[in-house]
Structures are given as C-alpha cells and as structure tokens.
Amino acid sequence: VYLSSVFPAAAEGTLCIDCSTIDPNTTRELAGAAQEAKVRMVDAPVSGGVGGAEAGTLTFMVGGSEVDFASASELLVSMGKNLVHCGGAGNGQVAKICNNLVLGISMNAVSEAMNLGVQLGIDPHTLAGIINTSSGRCWSSDTYNPHPG
C-alpha cells in the first residue's frame, strides 16, 4: 500500500506513521522508499490492547529520526501515555518483537504452571494468588491468566 498508493500520492514532507506490527527489515525498506519519495516515516507499533486504546494509555515504540519522533508525538500523545523513541527506522519493531517474545514466553509459563498445579490438586485461585504475590507474578498471571475460574 505504501509503495503503490501512499508514497506516490503524498506531498513532499508528509509524515507517515505506521502502527503495524511487522518485521524490522520490511520497516527499514519502507523507510528507505519513503526517503526516496521525499516522505517522512516512523514505525510506531503499539502495546496495551483494546483496554489501553479505550483508556488512551497505549505504549508506542517509535523508530525513526528524532525530528520525526517529535512530530509524530504530537498525534500519538492523544492515544498513548508512553511514547518511547527507540532509535532509527525499524527499532520500534525491534522493541515490539522483543516485548512480544517475553509476553509469549510468560503466557506459556503461566499456562503450564496453572495446568500443572491443577493437575496436582491445588485450587487454581489459591495458586494464582500465590504466584501473584511471589516471584512468578507477571502481566500474564495477574491480568490475563489463561486458566478459567
């Protein structure tokens, strides 16, 4: 879409903000194409889910120049509470993929631990309470616990 429609139609100096979650290399290729088209671009993947969007508390991980980050921040601040400049083009995507890796691992660990505990006879509410007041506490256990009940 950017290469075939957006960049050719954009006025010189237009700032494009891409909030997709895609691979960093694709983002860097798009940033190069934007520069050739004399269009500015930042990658700004987001974290916080539907609840964060509704509350305006999203986190934006932004890759691009400092000048473009400052310009994008003027808009992003209306949707998010945490705006982080991660460095050059694609680095927002790097931060997002690393964050998603940690989330995926922690979700898997909470799922396995809850299943193991229930299979070995502990009440899931008791186990969740222990995990959430101990070293195993994480977003996956206290906010998005996959075990029903």
Protein backbone atom coordinates (compact mmCIF):
# COMPACT_ATOMS: atom_id res chain seq x y z
CA VAL A 1 0.00 0.00 0.00
CA TYR A 2 2.77 2.44 0.90
CA LEU A 3 4.78 1.78 -2.25
CA SER A 4 1.86 1.69 -4.68
CA SER A 5 -0.53 4.24 -3.21
CA VAL A 6 0.62 6.26 -0.20
CA PHE A 7 4.10 7.45 -1.16
CA PRO A 8 3.25 8.37 -4.77
CA ALA A 9 0.25 10.43 -3.61
CA ALA A 10 1.83 12.06 -0.56
CA ALA A 11 3.05 15.61 -0.66
CA GLU A 12 6.75 16.15 -0.08
CA GLY A 13 7.50 16.18 3.65
CA THR A 14 4.34 14.31 4.65
CA LEU A 15 4.82 12.30 7.84
CA CYS A 16 3.58 8.71 7.69
CA ILE A 17 3.10 6.88 10.99
CA ASP A 18 2.93 3.10 10.63
CA CYS A 19 1.48 1.40 13.72
CA SER A 20 1.64 -2.08 12.20
CA THR A 21 3.49 -4.90 13.88
CA ILE A 22 5.74 -6.18 11.10
CA ASP A 23 9.33 -7.28 10.81
CA PRO A 24 12.03 -4.62 11.26
CA ASN A 25 13.65 -5.26 7.87
CA THR A 26 10.41 -4.57 6.00
CA THR A 27 10.01 -1.39 8.00
CA ARG A 28 13.54 -0.32 7.15
CA GLU A 29 12.91 -0.99 3.44
CA LEU A 30 9.74 1.14 3.63
CA ALA A 31 11.63 3.92 5.39
CA GLY A 32 14.18 3.89 2.57
CA ALA A 33 11.43 4.07 -0.03
CA ALA A 34 9.80 6.92 1.92
CA GLN A 35 13.06 8.84 1.90
CA GLU A 36 13.39 8.37 -1.87
CA ALA A 37 9.82 9.68 -2.26
CA LYS A 38 10.71 12.67 -0.03
CA VAL A 39 8.20 11.47 2.56
CA ARG A 40 8.95 11.20 6.28
CA MET A 41 8.11 7.98 8.12
CA VAL A 42 8.21 6.45 11.58
CA ASP A 43 7.34 2.95 12.69
CA ALA A 44 5.22 3.11 15.83
CA PRO A 45 3.95 -0.32 16.87
CA VAL A 46 1.74 -0.26 19.91
CA SER A 47 1.23 -2.20 23.11
CA GLY A 48 -1.66 -2.01 25.51
CA GLY A 49 -4.51 -3.80 23.78
CA VAL A 50 -8.12 -2.71 23.47
CA GLY A 51 -8.22 -1.55 27.08
CA GLY A 52 -5.22 0.69 26.57
CA ALA A 53 -6.73 2.10 23.39
CA GLU A 54 -10.02 2.87 25.14
CA ALA A 55 -8.24 4.47 28.09
CA GLY A 56 -5.68 6.34 25.97
CA THR A 57 -2.81 4.64 27.80
CA LEU A 58 -1.13 2.80 24.94
CA THR A 59 2.63 2.50 24.65
CA PHE A 60 4.10 3.49 21.29
CA MET A 61 7.57 2.17 20.45
CA VAL A 62 8.76 4.57 17.78
CA GLY A 63 11.57 4.12 15.27
CA GLY A 64 12.75 6.96 13.07
CA SER A 65 14.61 10.23 13.33
CA GLU A 66 14.37 12.36 16.47
CA VAL A 67 12.71 15.13 14.47
CA ASP A 68 10.08 12.78 13.07
CA PHE A 69 9.55 11.24 16.53
CA ALA A 70 8.86 14.71 17.92
CA SER A 71 6.37 15.44 15.12
CA ALA A 72 4.63 12.07 15.49
CA SER A 73 4.43 12.52 19.27
CA GLU A 74 2.07 15.45 18.82
CA LEU A 75 -0.54 12.99 17.48
CA LEU A 76 0.44 9.83 19.34
CA VAL A 77 0.12 11.51 22.75
CA SER A 78 -3.65 11.70 22.21
CA MET A 79 -3.77 7.87 22.07
CA GLY A 80 -0.96 6.83 24.36
CA LYS A 81 0.63 7.51 27.69
CA ASN A 82 4.08 6.12 26.94
CA LEU A 83 5.88 7.32 23.84
CA VAL A 84 9.36 5.86 23.53
CA HIS A 85 11.88 6.80 20.85
CA CYS A 86 13.73 3.55 20.16
CA GLY A 87 16.25 4.89 17.67
CA GLY A 88 16.36 4.66 13.89
CA ALA A 89 13.90 3.20 11.43
CA GLY A 90 12.74 -0.29 12.37
CA ASN A 91 13.77 -0.05 16.01
CA GLY A 92 10.16 0.38 17.13
CA GLN A 93 9.52 -3.01 15.53
CA VAL A 94 12.60 -4.45 17.26
CA ALA A 95 11.23 -3.33 20.64
CA LYS A 96 7.79 -4.72 19.81
CA ILE A 97 9.03 -8.15 18.71
CA CYS A 98 11.20 -8.43 21.84
CA ASN A 99 8.26 -7.42 24.05
CA ASN A 100 6.03 -9.96 22.30
CA LEU A 101 8.67 -12.66 22.81
CA VAL A 102 8.71 -12.01 26.56
CA LEU A 103 4.90 -11.96 26.64
CA GLY A 104 4.62 -15.23 24.72
CA ILE A 105 7.09 -16.98 26.99
CA SER A 106 5.40 -15.70 30.15
CA MET A 107 1.93 -16.66 28.86
CA ASN A 108 3.17 -20.15 28.11
CA ALA A 109 4.82 -20.43 31.53
CA VAL A 110 1.67 -19.27 33.36
CA SER A 111 -0.47 -21.68 31.34
CA GLU A 112 1.81 -24.62 32.06
CA ALA A 113 2.19 -23.74 35.75
CA MET A 114 -1.55 -23.32 36.26
CA ASN A 115 -2.27 -26.59 34.45
CA LEU A 116 0.40 -28.44 36.42
CA GLY A 117 -0.88 -27.08 39.72
CA VAL A 118 -4.49 -28.01 38.99
CA GLN A 119 -3.46 -31.48 37.78
CA LEU A 120 -1.51 -31.97 41.02
CA GLY A 121 -4.50 -30.92 43.12
CA ILE A 122 -4.16 -27.26 44.11
CA ASP A 123 -7.11 -24.89 43.76
CA PRO A 124 -6.42 -22.55 40.79
CA HIS A 125 -7.45 -19.46 42.77
CA THR A 126 -5.04 -20.38 45.56
CA LEU A 127 -2.22 -20.99 43.10
CA ALA A 128 -2.90 -17.77 41.21
CA GLY A 129 -2.90 -15.86 44.49
CA ILE A 130 0.46 -17.33 45.44
CA ILE A 131 2.01 -16.65 42.03
CA ASN A 132 0.69 -13.07 42.03
CA THR A 133 2.26 -12.29 45.42
CA SER A 134 5.52 -14.07 44.68
CA SER A 135 8.36 -14.01 42.17
CA GLY A 136 6.25 -15.57 39.40
CA ARG A 137 3.93 -12.56 39.15
CA CYS A 138 3.67 -11.06 35.68
CA TRP A 139 1.03 -9.50 33.44
CA SER A 140 0.07 -12.94 32.15
CA SER A 141 -0.64 -14.17 35.68
CA ASP A 142 -2.30 -11.16 37.28
CA THR A 143 -4.17 -9.59 34.37
CA TYR A 144 -4.58 -12.20 31.64
CA ASN A 145 -4.44 -15.51 33.47
CA PRO A 146 -5.37 -18.18 30.94
CA HIS A 147 -6.83 -20.61 33.50
CA PRO A 148 -10.61 -20.33 33.73
CA GLY A 149 -12.03 -19.67 37.18
